[in-house]
Structure formats: structure tokens, C-alpha cells
Protein backbone atom coordinates (compact mmCIF):
# COMPACT_ATOMS: atom_id res chain seq x y z
CA MET A 1 -0.01 -0.03 -0.01
CA VAL A 2 1.40 3.38 -1.05
CA LYS A 3 1.35 5.96 1.70
CA PRO A 4 -0.12 9.29 0.75
CA ALA A 5 2.49 11.91 0.11
CA GLY A 6 2.93 14.44 2.92
CA ARG A 7 2.10 18.06 2.40
CA GLN A 8 4.78 19.74 0.40
CA LYS A 9 6.34 22.83 1.95
CA LYS A 10 6.04 25.82 -0.42
CA VAL A 11 9.25 27.48 -1.39
CA ALA A 12 8.94 31.18 -2.03
CA ALA A 13 9.85 32.20 -5.57
CA ALA A 14 13.06 34.26 -5.95
CA PRO A 15 12.44 37.92 -6.74
CA ASP A 16 12.54 38.63 -10.46
CA PRO A 17 14.85 41.58 -11.20
CA HIS A 18 12.91 42.40 -14.38
CA THR A 19 9.61 42.67 -12.47
CA GLU A 20 11.28 44.78 -9.76
CA GLN A 21 12.72 47.13 -12.40
CA ARG A 22 9.35 47.37 -14.14
CA ILE A 23 7.75 48.40 -10.77
CA LEU A 24 10.49 51.02 -10.22
CA ASP A 25 10.03 52.44 -13.69
CA ALA A 26 6.29 52.68 -13.16
CA ALA A 27 6.79 54.29 -9.72
CA HIS A 28 9.17 56.79 -11.26
CA VAL A 29 6.52 57.90 -13.72
CA VAL A 30 3.80 58.12 -11.09
CA PHE A 31 5.87 59.92 -8.42
CA ILE A 32 7.10 62.46 -10.93
CA ARG A 33 3.56 63.04 -12.22
CA ARG A 34 1.80 63.27 -8.85
CA GLY A 35 4.45 63.60 -6.17
CA THR A 36 4.96 61.16 -3.38
CA ALA A 37 2.06 62.46 -1.35
CA GLY A 38 -0.40 62.28 -4.27
CA ALA A 39 0.70 58.86 -5.60
CA ARG A 40 -1.21 55.67 -4.72
CA MET A 41 0.11 52.15 -4.80
CA GLN A 42 -2.77 51.19 -7.06
CA ASP A 43 -1.72 53.90 -9.56
CA ILE A 44 1.81 52.38 -9.61
CA ALA A 45 0.43 48.83 -10.00
CA ASP A 46 -1.71 49.94 -12.92
CA GLU A 47 1.26 51.74 -14.54
CA ALA A 48 3.42 48.59 -14.17
CA GLY A 49 0.63 46.20 -15.23
CA VAL A 50 0.85 44.11 -12.05
CA ASN A 51 -1.36 43.59 -9.03
CA LYS A 52 -0.89 45.65 -5.91
CA ALA A 53 0.16 42.67 -3.85
CA LEU A 54 3.31 42.34 -6.02
CA LEU A 55 4.32 45.87 -5.12
CA HIS A 56 4.11 45.03 -1.40
CA TYR A 57 6.11 41.84 -2.05
CA TYR A 58 8.98 43.72 -3.58
CA PHE A 59 8.88 46.98 -1.62
CA ARG A 60 6.53 46.39 1.38
CA ASN A 61 5.08 49.95 1.35
CA LYS A 62 4.90 53.19 -0.59
CA ASN A 63 7.63 54.89 1.45
CA ARG A 64 10.21 52.25 0.57
CA LEU A 65 9.26 52.51 -3.05
CA ALA A 66 9.52 56.30 -2.92
CA GLU A 67 12.96 56.03 -1.34
CA ALA A 68 14.12 53.65 -4.11
CA VAL A 69 12.89 56.01 -6.81
CA PHE A 70 14.52 59.04 -5.11
CA GLN A 71 17.81 57.14 -4.80
CA GLY A 72 17.67 56.25 -8.48
CA VAL A 73 16.98 59.80 -9.62
CA THR A 74 19.61 61.41 -7.46
CA SER A 75 22.39 58.91 -8.03
CA ARG A 76 21.91 59.13 -11.80
CA ILE A 77 23.29 62.67 -11.91
CA PHE A 78 24.86 63.48 -8.56
CA SER A 79 27.17 60.49 -8.42
CA ARG A 80 28.68 61.65 -11.74
CA LEU A 81 29.02 65.20 -10.44
CA SER A 82 30.66 64.13 -7.22
CA GLU A 83 33.04 61.83 -9.07
CA THR A 84 34.03 64.72 -11.39
CA LEU A 85 34.46 67.21 -8.49
CA GLY A 86 36.55 64.67 -6.52
CA SER A 87 38.85 63.80 -9.43
CA ASP A 88 42.41 65.06 -10.04
CA ALA A 89 41.33 67.04 -13.14
CA GLU A 90 42.19 70.75 -13.26
CA ILE A 91 39.46 73.22 -12.09
CA GLU A 92 38.91 74.46 -15.68
CA ASP A 93 38.34 70.91 -16.92
CA LYS A 94 35.98 70.14 -14.00
CA VAL A 95 33.87 73.23 -14.75
CA ARG A 96 33.46 72.11 -18.40
CA ARG A 97 32.58 68.56 -17.38
CA ILE A 98 30.12 69.66 -14.70
CA VAL A 99 28.28 71.98 -17.12
CA ALA A 100 28.12 69.20 -19.71
CA ILE A 101 26.81 66.63 -17.14
CA TYR A 102 24.14 68.96 -15.87
CA ILE A 103 22.91 70.16 -19.23
CA ASP A 104 22.98 66.72 -20.94
CA GLN A 105 21.13 65.03 -18.09
CA LEU A 106 18.56 67.82 -17.56
CA SER A 107 17.89 67.98 -21.23
CA LYS A 108 16.79 64.32 -20.96
CA THR A 109 15.06 64.68 -17.54
CA PRO A 110 14.17 68.34 -17.02
CA TYR A 111 11.84 67.45 -14.11
CA VAL A 112 14.74 66.43 -11.81
CA PRO A 113 15.37 69.76 -10.04
CA ALA A 114 11.74 70.32 -9.13
CA TYR A 115 11.29 66.72 -8.08
CA VAL A 116 14.42 66.60 -5.85
CA ILE A 117 13.64 69.97 -4.21
CA SER A 118 10.03 68.98 -3.59
CA GLU A 119 11.07 65.67 -2.02
CA LEU A 120 13.68 67.35 0.20
CA ASN A 121 11.16 69.95 1.38
CA GLN A 122 8.30 67.52 2.01
CA HIS A 123 10.46 64.66 3.34
CA PRO A 124 13.43 66.03 5.26
CA GLU A 125 14.57 62.46 5.90
CA ARG A 126 15.48 62.32 2.23
CA THR A 127 18.45 64.62 2.99
CA LYS A 128 20.42 61.78 4.44
CA GLN A 129 19.55 59.65 1.44
CA PHE A 130 20.57 62.48 -0.83
CA PHE A 131 24.01 62.77 0.68
CA GLU A 132 24.45 59.01 0.55
CA SER A 133 24.15 59.34 -3.27
CA VAL A 134 27.28 61.49 -3.38
CA ARG A 135 29.49 59.83 -0.79
CA SER A 136 30.28 56.40 0.61
CA PRO A 137 27.64 54.97 3.05
CA GLY A 138 28.60 55.64 6.65
CA ALA A 139 31.19 58.28 5.82
CA LYS A 140 31.45 61.15 8.28
CA GLY A 141 32.31 64.79 7.76
CA PRO A 142 32.23 66.77 4.51
CA PRO A 143 32.10 64.70 1.30
CA PRO A 144 35.61 63.96 -0.11
CA PHE A 145 34.84 65.87 -3.32
CA LEU A 146 34.23 69.04 -1.27
CA LEU A 147 37.58 68.71 0.43
CA LYS A 148 39.36 68.06 -2.90
CA LEU A 149 37.72 71.10 -4.47
CA GLY A 150 38.71 73.26 -1.48
CA GLU A 151 42.31 72.13 -1.82
CA GLN A 152 42.41 72.96 -5.50
CA ILE A 153 40.89 76.37 -4.94
CA GLN A 154 43.42 77.21 -2.26
CA ALA A 155 46.25 76.05 -4.51
CA GLY A 156 44.95 78.36 -7.27
CA VAL A 157 44.74 81.31 -4.85
CA ARG A 158 48.32 80.72 -3.72
CA ALA A 159 49.45 80.57 -7.31
CA GLY A 160 47.64 83.79 -8.14
CA THR A 161 45.50 82.16 -10.83
CA MET A 162 42.17 82.09 -8.96
CA ARG A 163 40.13 84.27 -6.63
CA ALA A 164 39.22 82.88 -3.23
CA ILE A 165 35.84 81.28 -3.08
CA PRO A 166 34.36 78.78 -0.53
CA PRO A 167 33.78 75.37 -2.15
CA GLY A 168 30.13 75.47 -1.23
CA GLN A 169 29.67 78.79 -3.03
CA PHE A 170 31.52 77.39 -6.00
CA ILE A 171 29.10 74.48 -6.25
CA ALA A 172 25.95 76.51 -5.56
CA ASN A 173 26.96 79.07 -8.27
CA ILE A 174 27.58 76.56 -11.02
CA ALA A 175 24.54 74.49 -10.13
CA SER A 176 22.32 77.54 -10.20
CA LEU A 177 23.60 78.61 -13.61
CA CYS A 178 22.95 75.16 -14.99
CA VAL A 179 19.62 74.38 -13.38
CA PHE A 180 17.80 77.70 -13.55
CA PRO A 181 16.96 77.64 -17.29
CA PHE A 182 15.25 74.28 -16.90
CA ALA A 183 13.36 75.32 -13.78
CA ALA A 184 12.29 78.59 -15.41
CA LYS A 185 11.66 77.20 -18.93
CA PRO A 186 8.10 78.59 -19.29
CA MET A 187 9.17 82.04 -18.22
CA LEU A 188 12.20 82.11 -20.50
CA CYS A 189 10.25 80.76 -23.45
CA THR A 190 7.65 83.56 -23.04
CA LEU A 191 10.21 86.26 -22.47
CA LEU A 192 12.52 85.19 -25.34
CA ASP A 193 9.66 84.01 -27.62
CA LEU A 194 11.11 80.44 -27.85
CA ASP A 195 9.39 77.28 -28.92
CA ASP A 196 10.78 73.85 -27.96
CA ARG A 197 13.28 73.93 -30.79
CA GLY A 198 14.37 77.47 -29.86
CA PHE A 199 14.81 76.50 -26.20
CA LYS A 200 16.94 73.50 -27.21
CA ALA A 201 19.23 75.86 -29.21
CA PHE A 202 19.30 78.28 -26.27
CA ILE A 203 20.50 75.43 -24.00
CA GLU A 204 23.13 74.30 -26.46
CA GLU A 205 24.48 77.81 -26.59
CA ARG A 206 24.77 77.83 -22.78
CA LYS A 207 26.57 74.54 -22.91
CA THR A 208 29.43 76.05 -24.87
CA GLY A 209 29.38 79.58 -23.42
CA LEU A 210 28.69 78.92 -19.73
CA PRO A 211 32.08 77.31 -18.73
CA GLU A 212 34.06 80.33 -19.92
CA PHE A 213 31.56 82.74 -18.29
CA PHE A 214 31.92 80.86 -15.00
CA LEU A 215 35.69 80.58 -15.23
CA SER A 216 36.16 84.27 -16.02
CA GLY A 217 34.53 85.05 -12.65
CA LEU A 218 37.08 82.90 -10.84
CA ARG A 219 40.10 84.56 -12.38
CA PRO A 220 41.77 87.42 -10.46
């Protein structure tokens, strides 16, 4: 007589990286469109074409999903910027690279400045996550790229080739010059009578002219 087989223990399926990425891509679209506060898990599930239970399986709750999206958005551009600032390249070369990184990325994703600022204002806890995107996890003190930039500025001042400027002001100035046209696109297009094609040409002009404009302000 054959004994009935015992109840088989279910083994949980391994997470599928393709499904996880599809959920992240959908969350990215929804969070950008509605903001974290206005987004619903059902909206994200619908965008991804999956059921809501699958979202909870991969990310447990909306906050974890929002953190993952924020990390992806910030690391996409700020990791490249911090790597450039912390490199051994000369200041002049760094300025040209930074302008190119900002303008190339923001031309593709012009919503990033508004999204990041909104997230940091509405969710102060994102600040820690933001800094983790530009320095090693667990690192203390100023980010290494800020120290490196400060050393280079001081060396330029001693050599008589550069005016003194705090590294924080350096970064704030160049970031503002790069980001403002994208944040103020509707105003600029109205003021300068630009359509989308005209705005693109305007940005390309800044990409070539802005580095020299910025560098001229650093020279004594």
C-alpha cells in the first residue's frame, strides 16, 4: 500500500529583477507626475501592469518605493557630479565637465530639479539619502569631493590664478547657472519667444558659453 504523500512545503519564488525594475520604472512615472504624497500604490500597480500585492512583495510599502525612486533619480546625476568634482582634473576641466553633465542630463530629464527639491522639502529624511548618493555609506564629515575642491581652490589662490571662493559657493553658483533655465523654462520661453526647438538651441548655446563665463569670474 502506497502511503499518501505528505504536504509539500512551499518554497517562495526568488524575486525577479525584471519585475522589480518594471515596478521601479512605473513608480518613477507616477511619483514624478503626482508627487509622493499624491501617488497611490494602485496607480503604480496599474502603470506597471501588475497587481498591488506584487508591489508590497518587492517594496513592502509606498515609502520604501519612494525612497528607491529618489535614490535612483539622485544617483543618476549626482554620483557623476561628485566623481568629477573629486577627481584630479584641473578646475577648468572640472567646470566644463560639470556643465556638460548637468545640461546633458537635464535635457533628458528636465523634471529632476523640481522633483528633488520637492522631495527634500516635504520629506526632510530624504536629505540623508541624498548625501548618501554622493559619498560612501557611513562616511562622516564633509564629502571627499568638497575637500578636494577646497584644496584645488586654495592652490589656485596661492598661485595667483584664482580668486578665493568657498567650495560650497563654487558648487551653488555653477549648479544655479545650469539648473535655472530648466526650472524657469516657461518664463524664459515667453520672455524670449522660444518654442521647444528654440529652447533647445538656447540650452546648447549655454553649454558652450557657460564654462568660460563661470571661469572668468574665478580669475583674479
